[in-house]
């Protein structure tokens, strides 16, 4: 029975680990590349958002003195640290790592 529980826990862990990427490409000349990592945090198993990064704010800050943004990519990851935080708090705190990267041009 204990072996069955361990196998189920491993399968469940592998099922929730993953990564999602949404690339947006354009053909402008590159001026500067930026990469920003932030933590998205929810309480009570994801029911209450505490800190969710806003892509508009990050991109607005990076592109403030430039004409625009190209090759924008937003990636969310459920890393080992995120898993460890959830395991220690028994899911009361759920977090994901959000990476926002792209290029600004003039």
PDB file of N, CA and C in Angstrom:
ATOM      1  N   UNK A   1       0.819  -1.184   0.000  1.00  0.00           N
ATOM      2  CA  UNK A   1       0.000   0.000   0.000  1.00  0.00           C
ATOM      3  C   UNK A   1       0.868   1.255   0.000  1.00  0.00           C
ATOM      4  N   UNK A   2       1.952   1.243   0.796  1.00  0.00           N
ATOM      5  CA  UNK A   2       2.838   2.387   0.859  1.00  0.00           C
ATOM      6  C   UNK A   2       3.510   2.635  -0.494  1.00  0.00           C
ATOM      7  N   UNK A   3       3.860   1.565  -1.198  1.00  0.00           N
ATOM      8  CA  UNK A   3       4.477   1.694  -2.515  1.00  0.00           C
ATOM      9  C   UNK A   3       3.496   2.326  -3.498  1.00  0.00           C
ATOM     10  N   UNK A   4       2.240   1.958  -3.431  1.00  0.00           N
ATOM     11  CA  UNK A   4       1.208   2.513  -4.293  1.00  0.00           C
ATOM     12  C   UNK A   4       1.028   4.011  -4.030  1.00  0.00           C
ATOM     13  N   UNK A   5       1.078   4.421  -2.792  1.00  0.00           N
ATOM     14  CA  UNK A   5       0.958   5.834  -2.436  1.00  0.00           C
ATOM     15  C   UNK A   5       2.146   6.625  -2.972  1.00  0.00           C
ATOM     16  N   UNK A   6       3.349   6.064  -2.872  1.00  0.00           N
ATOM     17  CA  UNK A   6       4.534   6.734  -3.407  1.00  0.00           C
ATOM     18  C   UNK A   6       4.447   6.893  -4.919  1.00  0.00           C
ATOM     19  N   UNK A   7       3.997   5.867  -5.612  1.00  0.00           N
ATOM     20  CA  UNK A   7       3.849   5.943  -7.070  1.00  0.00           C
ATOM     21  C   UNK A   7       2.813   6.999  -7.439  1.00  0.00           C
ATOM     22  N   UNK A   8       1.690   7.033  -6.724  1.00  0.00           N
ATOM     23  CA  UNK A   8       0.653   8.028  -6.984  1.00  0.00           C
ATOM     24  C   UNK A   8       1.174   9.446  -6.743  1.00  0.00           C
ATOM     25  N   UNK A   9       1.954   9.634  -5.681  1.00  0.00           N
ATOM     26  CA  UNK A   9       2.515  10.948  -5.380  1.00  0.00           C
ATOM     27  C   UNK A   9       3.491  11.384  -6.468  1.00  0.00           C
ATOM     28  N   UNK A  10       4.304  10.469  -6.975  1.00  0.00           N
ATOM     29  CA  UNK A  10       5.250  10.792  -8.030  1.00  0.00           C
ATOM     30  C   UNK A  10       4.528  11.172  -9.317  1.00  0.00           C
ATOM     31  N   UNK A  11       3.499  10.425  -9.667  1.00  0.00           N
ATOM     32  CA  UNK A  11       2.722  10.733 -10.873  1.00  0.00           C
ATOM     33  C   UNK A  11       2.025  12.084 -10.727  1.00  0.00           C
ATOM     34  N   UNK A  12       1.492  12.370  -9.553  1.00  0.00           N
ATOM     35  CA  UNK A  12       0.834  13.656  -9.319  1.00  0.00           C
ATOM     36  C   UNK A  12       1.829  14.804  -9.426  1.00  0.00           C
ATOM     37  N   UNK A  13       3.024  14.614  -8.893  1.00  0.00           N
ATOM     38  CA  UNK A  13       4.064  15.632  -8.961  1.00  0.00           C
ATOM     39  C   UNK A  13       4.464  15.892 -10.404  1.00  0.00           C
ATOM     40  N   UNK A  14       4.647  14.856 -11.183  1.00  0.00           N
ATOM     41  CA  UNK A  14       5.023  15.020 -12.576  1.00  0.00           C
ATOM     42  C   UNK A  14       3.897  15.659 -13.386  1.00  0.00           C
ATOM     43  N   UNK A  15       2.675  15.427 -12.988  1.00  0.00           N
ATOM     44  CA  UNK A  15       1.532  15.996 -13.699  1.00  0.00           C
ATOM     45  C   UNK A  15       1.379  17.487 -13.497  1.00  0.00           C
ATOM     46  N   UNK A  16       1.803  18.024 -12.336  1.00  0.00           N
ATOM     47  CA  UNK A  16       1.640  19.458 -12.086  1.00  0.00           C
ATOM     48  C   UNK A  16       2.865  20.258 -12.482  1.00  0.00           C
ATOM     49  N   UNK A  17       4.005  19.607 -12.690  1.00  0.00           N
ATOM     50  CA  UNK A  17       5.208  20.323 -13.106  1.00  0.00           C
ATOM     51  C   UNK A  17       5.107  20.608 -14.596  1.00  0.00           C
ATOM     52  N   UNK A  18       5.473  21.800 -14.999  1.00  0.00           N
ATOM     53  CA  UNK A  18       5.403  22.118 -16.418  1.00  0.00           C
ATOM     54  C   UNK A  18       5.796  23.550 -16.686  1.00  0.00           C
ATOM     55  N   UNK A  19       5.691  23.921 -17.935  1.00  0.00           N
ATOM     56  CA  UNK A  19       6.100  25.237 -18.377  1.00  0.00           C
ATOM     57  C   UNK A  19       5.214  25.656 -19.534  1.00  0.00           C
ATOM     58  N   UNK A  20       4.854  26.921 -19.587  1.00  0.00           N
ATOM     59  CA  UNK A  20       4.054  27.441 -20.696  1.00  0.00           C
ATOM     60  C   UNK A  20       4.755  28.671 -21.256  1.00  0.00           C
ATOM     61  N   UNK A  21       4.864  28.757 -22.585  1.00  0.00           N
ATOM     62  CA  UNK A  21       5.546  29.866 -23.230  1.00  0.00           C
ATOM     63  C   UNK A  21       4.667  30.431 -24.333  1.00  0.00           C
ATOM     64  N   UNK A  22       4.596  31.758 -24.409  1.00  0.00           N
ATOM     65  CA  UNK A  22       3.845  32.430 -25.459  1.00  0.00           C
ATOM     66  C   UNK A  22       4.774  33.427 -26.144  1.00  0.00           C
ATOM     67  N   UNK A  23       5.450  33.024 -27.256  1.00  0.00           N
ATOM     68  CA  UNK A  23       6.348  33.958 -27.935  1.00  0.00           C
ATOM     69  C   UNK A  23       5.581  34.835 -28.925  1.00  0.00           C
ATOM     70  N   UNK A  24       5.930  36.117 -28.979  1.00  0.00           N
ATOM     71  CA  UNK A  24       5.376  37.054 -29.945  1.00  0.00           C
ATOM     72  C   UNK A  24       6.557  37.645 -30.707  1.00  0.00           C
ATOM     73  N   UNK A  25       6.672  37.371 -32.008  1.00  0.00           N
ATOM     74  CA  UNK A  25       7.824  37.785 -32.805  1.00  0.00           C
ATOM     75  C   UNK A  25       7.491  38.966 -33.702  1.00  0.00           C
ATOM     76  N   UNK A  26       8.514  39.772 -33.999  1.00  0.00           N
ATOM     77  CA  UNK A  26       8.403  40.847 -34.978  1.00  0.00           C
ATOM     78  C   UNK A  26       9.753  41.009 -35.672  1.00  0.00           C
ATOM     79  N   UNK A  27       9.792  41.863 -36.677  1.00  0.00           N
ATOM     80  CA  UNK A  27      11.007  41.964 -37.493  1.00  0.00           C
ATOM     81  C   UNK A  27      11.709  43.320 -37.371  1.00  0.00           C
ATOM     82  N   UNK A  28      11.679  43.990 -36.267  1.00  0.00           N
ATOM     83  CA  UNK A  28      12.361  45.281 -36.056  1.00  0.00           C
ATOM     84  C   UNK A  28      13.799  45.041 -35.615  1.00  0.00           C
ATOM     85  N   UNK A  29      14.601  46.115 -35.688  1.00  0.00           N
ATOM     86  CA  UNK A  29      15.990  46.031 -35.235  1.00  0.00           C
ATOM     87  C   UNK A  29      16.048  46.052 -33.717  1.00  0.00           C
ATOM     88  N   UNK A  30      16.918  45.231 -33.174  1.00  0.00           N
ATOM     89  CA  UNK A  30      17.064  45.112 -31.719  1.00  0.00           C
ATOM     90  C   UNK A  30      17.914  46.257 -31.182  1.00  0.00           C
ATOM     91  N   UNK A  31      17.501  46.799 -30.041  1.00  0.00           N
ATOM     92  CA  UNK A  31      18.307  47.810 -29.352  1.00  0.00           C
ATOM     93  C   UNK A  31      18.813  47.239 -28.033  1.00  0.00           C
ATOM     94  N   UNK A  32      17.898  46.722 -27.221  1.00  0.00           N
ATOM     95  CA  UNK A  32      18.274  46.224 -25.889  1.00  0.00           C
ATOM     96  C   UNK A  32      17.384  45.035 -25.542  1.00  0.00           C
ATOM     97  N   UNK A  33      17.971  44.010 -24.973  1.00  0.00           N
ATOM     98  CA  UNK A  33      17.225  42.838 -24.526  1.00  0.00           C
ATOM     99  C   UNK A  33      16.996  42.956 -23.024  1.00  0.00           C
ATOM    100  N   UNK A  34      15.785  42.586 -22.581  1.00  0.00           N
ATOM    101  CA  UNK A  34      15.497  42.594 -21.152  1.00  0.00           C
ATOM    102  C   UNK A  34      14.942  41.245 -20.721  1.00  0.00           C
ATOM    103  N   UNK A  35      15.165  40.894 -19.456  1.00  0.00           N
ATOM    104  CA  UNK A  35      14.675  39.661 -18.856  1.00  0.00           C
ATOM    105  C   UNK A  35      14.360  39.962 -17.390  1.00  0.00           C
ATOM    106  N   UNK A  36      13.100  39.774 -17.019  1.00  0.00           N
ATOM    107  CA  UNK A  36      12.660  40.066 -15.657  1.00  0.00           C
ATOM    108  C   UNK A  36      11.979  38.820 -15.103  1.00  0.00           C
ATOM    109  N   UNK A  37      12.375  38.395 -13.908  1.00  0.00           N
ATOM    110  CA  UNK A  37      11.732  37.265 -13.241  1.00  0.00           C
ATOM    111  C   UNK A  37      11.010  37.767 -11.997  1.00  0.00           C
ATOM    112  N   UNK A  38       9.763  37.341 -11.863  1.00  0.00           N
ATOM    113  CA  UNK A  38       8.949  37.709 -10.702  1.00  0.00           C
ATOM    114  C   UNK A  38       8.249  36.462 -10.190  1.00  0.00           C
ATOM    115  N   UNK A  39       7.786  36.532  -8.946  1.00  0.00           N
ATOM    116  CA  UNK A  39       7.039  35.426  -8.343  1.00  0.00           C
ATOM    117  C   UNK A  39       5.556  35.783  -8.305  1.00  0.00           C
ATOM    118  N   UNK A  40       4.731  34.878  -8.758  1.00  0.00           N
ATOM    119  CA  UNK A  40       3.282  35.002  -8.605  1.00  0.00           C
ATOM    120  C   UNK A  40       2.905  34.162  -7.390  1.00  0.00           C
ATOM    121  N   UNK A  41       2.162  34.754  -6.448  1.00  0.00           N
ATOM    122  CA  UNK A  41       1.847  34.067  -5.192  1.00  0.00           C
ATOM    123  C   UNK A  41       0.347  34.129  -4.941  1.00  0.00           C
ATOM    124  N   UNK A  42      -0.218  32.982  -4.561  1.00  0.00           N
ATOM    125  CA  UNK A  42      -1.618  32.872  -4.181  1.00  0.00           C
ATOM    126  C   UNK A  42      -1.707  32.209  -2.810  1.00  0.00           C
ATOM    127  N   UNK A  43      -2.775  32.499  -2.082  1.00  0.00           N
ATOM    128  CA  UNK A  43      -3.030  31.867  -0.790  1.00  0.00           C
ATOM    129  C   UNK A  43      -4.140  30.833  -0.932  1.00  0.00           C
ATOM    130  N   UNK A  44      -4.163  29.912  -0.014  1.00  0.00           N
ATOM    131  CA  UNK A  44      -5.209  28.893   0.091  1.00  0.00           C
ATOM    132  C   UNK A  44      -5.422  28.147  -1.216  1.00  0.00           C
ATOM    133  N   UNK A  45      -4.354  27.489  -1.656  1.00  0.00           N
ATOM    134  CA  UNK A  45      -4.370  26.591  -2.810  1.00  0.00           C
ATOM    135  C   UNK A  45      -4.770  27.294  -4.095  1.00  0.00           C
ATOM    136  N   UNK A  46      -4.391  28.556  -4.226  1.00  0.00           N
ATOM    137  CA  UNK A  46      -4.645  29.309  -5.449  1.00  0.00           C
ATOM    138  C   UNK A  46      -5.946  30.085  -5.471  1.00  0.00           C
ATOM    139  N   UNK A  47      -6.665  30.141  -4.358  1.00  0.00           N
ATOM    140  CA  UNK A  47      -7.970  30.804  -4.335  1.00  0.00           C
ATOM    141  C   UNK A  47      -7.866  32.326  -4.230  1.00  0.00           C
ATOM    142  N   UNK A  48      -6.853  32.841  -3.541  1.00  0.00           N
ATOM    143  CA  UNK A  48      -6.740  34.283  -3.312  1.00  0.00           C
ATOM    144  C   UNK A  48      -5.405  34.769  -3.872  1.00  0.00           C
ATOM    145  N   UNK A  49      -5.432  35.591  -4.935  1.00  0.00           N
ATOM    146  CA  UNK A  49      -4.166  36.116  -5.460  1.00  0.00           C
ATOM    147  C   UNK A  49      -3.570  37.164  -4.523  1.00  0.00           C
ATOM    148  N   UNK A  50      -2.286  37.027  -4.227  1.00  0.00           N
ATOM    149  CA  UNK A  50      -1.583  37.967  -3.360  1.00  0.00           C
ATOM    150  C   UNK A  50      -0.683  38.866  -4.199  1.00  0.00           C
ATOM    151  N   UNK A  51       0.105  38.263  -5.055  1.00  0.00           N
ATOM    152  CA  UNK A  51       1.051  39.010  -5.875  1.00  0.00           C
ATOM    153  C   UNK A  51       1.145  38.337  -7.234  1.00  0.00           C
ATOM    154  N   UNK A  52       0.505  38.933  -8.233  1.00  0.00           N
ATOM    155  CA  UNK A  52       0.564  38.416  -9.597  1.00  0.00           C
ATOM    156  C   UNK A  52       1.199  39.500 -10.463  1.00  0.00           C
ATOM    157  N   UNK A  53       2.359  39.217 -11.081  1.00  0.00           N
ATOM    158  CA  UNK A  53       3.036  40.242 -11.867  1.00  0.00           C
ATOM    159  C   UNK A  53       2.179  40.698 -13.053  1.00  0.00           C
ATOM    160  N   UNK A  54       2.185  41.992 -13.305  1.00  0.00           N
ATOM    161  CA  UNK A  54       1.449  42.560 -14.428  1.00  0.00           C
ATOM    162  C   UNK A  54       2.430  42.788 -15.575  1.00  0.00           C
ATOM    163  N   UNK A  55       2.187  42.118 -16.695  1.00  0.00           N
ATOM    164  CA  UNK A  55       3.079  42.207 -17.847  1.00  0.00           C
ATOM    165  C   UNK A  55       3.136  43.640 -18.361  1.00  0.00           C
ATOM    166  N   UNK A  56       2.004  44.339 -18.372  1.00  0.00           N
ATOM    167  CA  UNK A  56       1.978  45.720 -18.856  1.00  0.00           C
ATOM    168  C   UNK A  56       2.918  46.626 -18.066  1.00  0.00           C
ATOM    169  N   UNK A  57       2.974  46.452 -16.764  1.00  0.00           N
ATOM    170  CA  UNK A  57       3.850  47.283 -15.935  1.00  0.00           C
ATOM    171  C   UNK A  57       5.319  47.002 -16.226  1.00  0.00           C
ATOM    172  N   UNK A  58       5.673  45.726 -16.357  1.00  0.00           N
ATOM    173  CA  UNK A  58       7.073  45.363 -16.635  1.00  0.00           C
ATOM    174  C   UNK A  58       7.484  45.879 -17.996  1.00  0.00           C
ATOM    175  N   UNK A  59       6.658  45.638 -19.015  1.00  0.00           N
ATOM    176  CA  UNK A  59       6.990  46.074 -20.367  1.00  0.00           C
ATOM    177  C   UNK A  59       6.996  47.602 -20.443  1.00  0.00           C
ATOM    178  N   UNK A  60       6.046  48.266 -19.784  1.00  0.00           N
ATOM    179  CA  UNK A  60       6.013  49.728 -19.775  1.00  0.00           C
ATOM    180  C   UNK A  60       7.257  50.328 -19.174  1.00  0.00           C
ATOM    181  N   UNK A  61       7.751  49.732 -18.103  1.00  0.00           N
ATOM    182  CA  UNK A  61       8.982  50.207 -17.462  1.00  0.00           C
ATOM    183  C   UNK A  61      10.183  50.031 -18.390  1.00  0.00           C
ATOM    184  N   UNK A  62      10.272  48.887 -19.026  1.00  0.00           N
ATOM    185  CA  UNK A  62      11.407  48.592 -19.903  1.00  0.00           C
ATOM    186  C   UNK A  62      11.380  49.435 -21.182  1.00  0.00           C
ATOM    187  N   UNK A  63      10.180  49.709 -21.708  1.00  0.00           N
ATOM    188  CA  UNK A  63      10.059  50.402 -22.994  1.00  0.00           C
ATOM    189  C   UNK A  63       9.798  51.891 -22.843  1.00  0.00           C
ATOM    190  N   UNK A  64       9.936  52.438 -21.659  1.00  0.00           N
ATOM    191  CA  UNK A  64       9.582  53.839 -21.406  1.00  0.00           C
ATOM    192  C   UNK A  64      10.336  54.812 -22.309  1.00  0.00           C
ATOM    193  N   UNK A  65      11.601  54.602 -22.552  1.00  0.00           N
ATOM    194  CA  UNK A  65      12.388  55.535 -23.365  1.00  0.00           C
ATOM    195  C   UNK A  65      12.669  54.992 -24.768  1.00  0.00           C
ATOM    196  N   UNK A  66      11.893  54.025 -25.208  1.00  0.00           N
ATOM    197  CA  UNK A  66      12.061  53.431 -26.540  1.00  0.00           C
ATOM    198  C   UNK A  66      10.741  53.487 -27.302  1.00  0.00           C
ATOM    199  N   UNK A  67      10.792  53.159 -28.595  1.00  0.00           N
ATOM    200  CA  UNK A  67       9.595  53.222 -29.447  1.00  0.00           C
ATOM    201  C   UNK A  67       8.644  52.056 -29.242  1.00  0.00           C
ATOM    202  N   UNK A  68       9.174  50.879 -28.935  1.00  0.00           N
ATOM    203  CA  UNK A  68       8.300  49.721 -28.779  1.00  0.00           C
ATOM    204  C   UNK A  68       9.037  48.487 -28.316  1.00  0.00           C
ATOM    205  N   UNK A  69       8.292  47.391 -28.275  1.00  0.00           N
ATOM    206  CA  UNK A  69       8.815  46.098 -27.814  1.00  0.00           C
ATOM    207  C   UNK A  69       8.622  45.079 -28.921  1.00  0.00           C
ATOM    208  N   UNK A  70       9.581  44.193 -29.084  1.00  0.00           N
ATOM    209  CA  UNK A  70       9.473  43.099 -30.040  1.00  0.00           C
ATOM    210  C   UNK A  70       9.936  41.809 -29.388  1.00  0.00           C
ATOM    211  N   UNK A  71       9.544  40.685 -29.979  1.00  0.00           N
ATOM    212  CA  UNK A  71       9.943  39.352 -29.507  1.00  0.00           C
ATOM    213  C   UNK A  71       9.647  39.155 -28.023  1.00  0.00           C
ATOM    214  N   UNK A  72       8.459  39.534 -27.613  1.00  0.00           N
ATOM    215  CA  UNK A  72       8.048  39.402 -26.214  1.00  0.00           C
ATOM    216  C   UNK A  72       7.724  37.946 -25.906  1.00  0.00           C
ATOM    217  N   UNK A  73       8.245  37.460 -24.789  1.00  0.00           N
ATOM    218  CA  UNK A  73       7.989  36.086 -24.371  1.00  0.00           C
ATOM    219  C   UNK A  73       7.690  36.083 -22.879  1.00  0.00           C
ATOM    220  N   UNK A  74       6.539  35.492 -22.506  1.00  0.00           N
ATOM    221  CA  UNK A  74       6.143  35.363 -21.106  1.00  0.00           C
ATOM    222  C   UNK A  74       6.092  33.873 -20.790  1.00  0.00           C
ATOM    223  N   UNK A  75       6.855  33.451 -19.793  1.00  0.00           N
ATOM    224  CA  UNK A  75       6.947  32.037 -19.430  1.00  0.00           C
ATOM    225  C   UNK A  75       6.608  31.875 -17.952  1.00  0.00           C
ATOM    226  N   UNK A  76       5.765  30.896 -17.643  1.00  0.00           N
ATOM    227  CA  UNK A  76       5.494  30.564 -16.244  1.00  0.00           C
ATOM    228  C   UNK A  76       6.065  29.189 -15.966  1.00  0.00           C
ATOM    229  N   UNK A  77       6.687  29.032 -14.824  1.00  0.00           N
ATOM    230  CA  UNK A  77       7.300  27.770 -14.442  1.00  0.00           C
ATOM    231  C   UNK A  77       6.917  27.417 -13.004  1.00  0.00           C
ATOM    232  N   UNK A  78       6.699  26.159 -12.784  1.00  0.00           N
ATOM    233  CA  UNK A  78       6.495  25.632 -11.446  1.00  0.00           C
ATOM    234  C   UNK A  78       7.786  24.916 -11.079  1.00  0.00           C
ATOM    235  N   UNK A  79       8.694  25.641 -10.417  1.00  0.00           N
ATOM    236  CA  UNK A  79      10.029  25.129 -10.135  1.00  0.00           C
ATOM    237  C   UNK A  79      10.040  24.312  -8.839  1.00  0.00           C
ATOM    238  N   UNK A  80      11.192  23.731  -8.558  1.00  0.00           N
ATOM    239  CA  UNK A  80      11.343  22.947  -7.337  1.00  0.00           C
ATOM    240  C   UNK A  80      11.149  23.818  -6.103  1.00  0.00           C
ATOM    241  N   UNK A  81      11.632  25.055  -6.156  1.00  0.00           N
ATOM    242  CA  UNK A  81      11.459  25.978  -5.026  1.00  0.00           C
ATOM    243  C   UNK A  81       9.977  26.261  -4.808  1.00  0.00           C
ATOM    244  N   UNK A  82       9.220  26.456  -5.893  1.00  0.00           N
ATOM    245  CA  UNK A  82       7.779  26.664  -5.777  1.00  0.00           C
ATOM    246  C   UNK A  82       7.107  25.440  -5.157  1.00  0.00           C
ATOM    247  N   UNK A  83       7.525  24.258  -5.589  1.00  0.00           N
ATOM    248  CA  UNK A  83       6.983  23.022  -5.024  1.00  0.00           C
ATOM    249  C   UNK A  83       7.321  22.912  -3.541  1.00  0.00           C
ATOM    250  N   UNK A  84       8.568  23.226  -3.186  1.00  0.00           N
ATOM    251  CA  UNK A  84       9.004  23.130  -1.796  1.00  0.00           C
ATOM    252  C   UNK A  84       8.210  24.085  -0.904  1.00  0.00           C
ATOM    253  N   UNK A  85       7.972  25.305  -1.378  1.00  0.00           N
ATOM    254  CA  UNK A  85       7.180  26.262  -0.618  1.00  0.00           C
ATOM    255  C   UNK A  85       5.758  25.745  -0.407  1.00  0.00           C
ATOM    256  N   UNK A  86       5.164  25.191  -1.451  1.00  0.00           N
ATOM    257  CA  UNK A  86       3.821  24.630  -1.330  1.00  0.00           C
ATOM    258  C   UNK A  86       3.784  23.425  -0.406  1.00  0.00           C
ATOM    259  N   UNK A  87       4.832  22.598  -0.463  1.00  0.00           N
ATOM    260  CA  UNK A  87       4.873  21.409   0.383  1.00  0.00           C
ATOM    261  C   UNK A  87       5.044  21.779   1.854  1.00  0.00           C
ATOM    262  N   UNK A  88       5.888  22.760   2.129  1.00  0.00           N
ATOM    263  CA  UNK A  88       6.117  23.164   3.514  1.00  0.00           C
ATOM    264  C   UNK A  88       4.854  23.775   4.114  1.00  0.00           C
ATOM    265  N   UNK A  89       4.132  24.564   3.315  1.00  0.00           N
ATOM    266  CA  UNK A  89       2.917  25.216   3.818  1.00  0.00           C
ATOM    267  C   UNK A  89       1.663  24.383   3.557  1.00  0.00           C
ATOM    268  N   UNK A  90       1.844  23.163   3.087  1.00  0.00           N
ATOM    269  CA  UNK A  90       0.754  22.242   2.775  1.00  0.00           C
ATOM    270  C   UNK A  90      -0.243  22.857   1.804  1.00  0.00           C
ATOM    271  N   UNK A  91       0.267  23.639   0.855  1.00  0.00           N
ATOM    272  CA  UNK A  91      -0.562  24.222  -0.188  1.00  0.00           C
ATOM    273  C   UNK A  91      -1.208  25.536   0.175  1.00  0.00           C
ATOM    274  N   UNK A  92      -1.052  26.000   1.400  1.00  0.00           N
ATOM    275  CA  UNK A  92      -1.656  27.274   1.789  1.00  0.00           C
ATOM    276  C   UNK A  92      -1.046  28.422   0.997  1.00  0.00           C
ATOM    277  N   UNK A  93       0.215  28.283   0.596  1.00  0.00           N
ATOM    278  CA  UNK A  93       0.865  29.264  -0.278  1.00  0.00           C
ATOM    279  C   UNK A  93       1.253  28.537  -1.554  1.00  0.00           C
ATOM    280  N   UNK A  94       0.747  29.047  -2.686  1.00  0.00           N
ATOM    281  CA  UNK A  94       1.043  28.474  -4.002  1.00  0.00           C
ATOM    282  C   UNK A  94       1.761  29.542  -4.813  1.00  0.00           C
ATOM    283  N   UNK A  95       2.879  29.187  -5.431  1.00  0.00           N
ATOM    284  CA  UNK A  95       3.625  30.182  -6.199  1.00  0.00           C
ATOM    285  C   UNK A  95       4.113  29.598  -7.515  1.00  0.00           C
ATOM    286  N   UNK A  96       4.340  30.488  -8.476  1.00  0.00           N
ATOM    287  CA  UNK A  96       4.939  30.157  -9.759  1.00  0.00           C
ATOM    288  C   UNK A  96       5.937  31.243 -10.106  1.00  0.00           C
ATOM    289  N   UNK A  97       6.957  30.889 -10.864  1.00  0.00           N
ATOM    290  CA  UNK A  97       7.942  31.842 -11.323  1.00  0.00           C
ATOM    291  C   UNK A  97       7.527  32.323 -12.715  1.00  0.00           C
ATOM    292  N   UNK A  98       7.439  33.649 -12.886  1.00  0.00           N
ATOM    293  CA  UNK A  98       7.039  34.247 -14.163  1.00  0.00           C
ATOM    294  C   UNK A  98       8.260  34.964 -14.740  1.00  0.00           C
ATOM    295  N   UNK A  99       8.637  34.614 -15.975  1.00  0.00           N
ATOM    296  CA  UNK A  99       9.744  35.236 -16.658  1.00  0.00           C
ATOM    297  C   UNK A  99       9.209  36.038 -17.845  1.00  0.00           C
ATOM    298  N   UNK A 100       9.546  37.318 -17.894  1.00  0.00           N
ATOM    299  CA  UNK A 100       9.120  38.197 -18.983  1.00  0.00           C
ATOM    300  C   UNK A 100      10.386  38.660 -19.680  1.00  0.00           C
ATOM    301  N   UNK A 101      10.506  38.353 -20.970  1.00  0.00           N
ATOM    302  CA  UNK A 101      11.689  38.770 -21.714  1.00  0.00           C
ATOM    303  C   UNK A 101      11.293  39.277 -23.093  1.00  0.00           C
ATOM    304  N   UNK A 102      12.146  40.122 -23.639  1.00  0.00           N
ATOM    305  CA  UNK A 102      11.881  40.685 -24.953  1.00  0.00           C
ATOM    306  C   UNK A 102      12.985  41.650 -25.336  1.00  0.00           C
ATOM    307  N   UNK A 103      12.715  42.405 -26.393  1.00  0.00           N
ATOM    308  CA  UNK A 103      13.673  43.381 -26.891  1.00  0.00           C
ATOM    309  C   UNK A 103      12.950  44.701 -27.115  1.00  0.00           C
ATOM    310  N   UNK A 104      13.591  45.799 -26.748  1.00  0.00           N
ATOM    311  CA  UNK A 104      13.042  47.127 -27.017  1.00  0.00           C
ATOM    312  C   UNK A 104      13.815  47.745 -28.183  1.00  0.00           C
ATOM    313  N   UNK A 105      13.127  48.558 -28.977  1.00  0.00           N
ATOM    314  CA  UNK A 105      13.751  49.177 -30.147  1.00  0.00           C
ATOM    315  C   UNK A 105      13.353  50.648 -30.215  1.00  0.00           C
ATOM    316  N   UNK A 106      14.126  51.404 -31.009  1.00  0.00           N
ATOM    317  CA  UNK A 106      13.835  52.827 -31.210  1.00  0.00           C
ATOM    318  C   UNK A 106      13.195  53.039 -32.564  1.00  0.00           C
TER     319      UNK A 106
END
